[in-house]
Amino acid sequence: MPMLEVFYSGNRPPDRAQKQTFATEASAVFQRVIGTPPGRLQLMIQIVSHENTLAVIDLDRSDGDTMADPDRQ
């Protein structure tokens, strides 16, 4: 049974209608591309807080360190 795991981070978590729309579209893609029968796709949406995303990585640091660590000099 195929499984699709989605990680989402944004200002607001997606509402029920957005999740349903995504699930419908994902199911259609899986059915079309790999022949997954309707209702067989397992879908899991994980909400990730902003501080646990690339948004906290400082890509402009000149010392080559890409992790934003305020305690490190």
Protein backbone atom coordinates (compact mmCIF):
# COMPACT_ATOMS: atom_id res chain seq x y z
CA MET A 1 0.00 0.00 0.00
CA PRO A 2 1.65 3.29 -1.06
CA MET A 3 2.15 6.01 1.51
CA LEU A 4 2.69 9.72 0.98
CA GLU A 5 4.03 11.74 3.87
CA VAL A 6 3.76 15.53 3.56
CA PHE A 7 5.58 18.01 5.77
CA TYR A 8 3.94 21.43 5.92
CA SER A 9 5.16 24.67 7.44
CA GLY A 10 3.42 27.98 6.99
CA ASN A 11 1.82 30.85 8.80
CA ARG A 12 -1.29 28.76 9.44
CA PRO A 13 -1.88 25.04 9.25
CA PRO A 14 -3.98 23.96 6.26
CA ASP A 15 -7.69 23.72 7.01
CA ARG A 16 -9.80 20.61 6.44
CA ALA A 17 -10.87 21.68 2.94
CA GLN A 18 -7.25 22.24 1.87
CA LYS A 19 -6.25 18.84 3.23
CA GLN A 20 -9.17 17.18 1.41
CA THR A 21 -8.26 18.91 -1.85
CA PHE A 22 -4.63 17.84 -1.51
CA ALA A 23 -5.65 14.26 -0.68
CA THR A 24 -7.96 14.09 -3.71
CA GLU A 25 -5.27 15.38 -6.06
CA ALA A 26 -2.56 13.14 -4.56
CA SER A 27 -4.81 10.08 -4.91
CA ALA A 28 -5.48 10.94 -8.56
CA VAL A 29 -1.77 11.30 -9.27
CA PHE A 30 -0.91 7.99 -7.59
CA GLN A 31 -3.72 6.28 -9.45
CA ARG A 32 -2.64 7.72 -12.80
CA VAL A 33 1.12 7.23 -12.39
CA ILE A 34 1.48 3.91 -10.56
CA GLY A 35 -2.03 2.47 -10.73
CA THR A 36 -2.90 2.76 -7.03
CA PRO A 37 -6.57 1.79 -6.64
CA PRO A 38 -8.84 4.51 -5.20
CA GLY A 39 -8.83 4.46 -1.40
CA ARG A 40 -5.51 2.61 -1.12
CA LEU A 41 -3.14 5.58 -0.76
CA GLN A 42 -2.12 6.27 2.81
CA LEU A 43 -1.61 10.01 3.36
CA MET A 44 -0.07 11.63 6.40
CA ILE A 45 0.27 15.39 6.80
CA GLN A 46 2.76 16.56 9.42
CA ILE A 47 2.70 20.19 10.56
CA VAL A 48 6.25 21.42 11.19
CA SER A 49 6.85 24.55 13.23
CA HIS A 50 8.64 27.42 11.53
CA GLU A 51 11.73 27.08 13.75
CA ASN A 52 12.23 23.50 12.54
CA THR A 53 12.59 24.43 8.86
CA LEU A 54 15.23 25.94 6.59
CA ALA A 55 13.94 29.35 7.66
CA VAL A 56 16.31 29.19 10.65
CA ILE A 57 19.38 28.40 8.59
CA ASP A 58 21.57 31.40 7.89
CA LEU A 59 22.85 30.79 4.36
CA ASP A 60 24.79 34.08 4.31
CA ARG A 61 27.30 33.29 7.09
CA SER A 62 30.80 34.07 5.92
CA ASP A 63 32.54 31.43 8.07
CA GLY A 64 31.03 28.55 6.09
CA ASP A 65 28.84 27.38 8.96
CA THR A 66 25.28 27.09 7.66
CA MET A 67 23.55 26.49 10.99
CA ALA A 68 22.26 29.57 12.76
CA ASP A 69 23.58 29.20 16.30
CA PRO A 70 23.43 32.39 18.36
CA ASP A 71 25.72 30.92 21.06
CA ARG A 72 28.51 30.10 18.64
CA GLN A 73 31.03 32.79 17.69
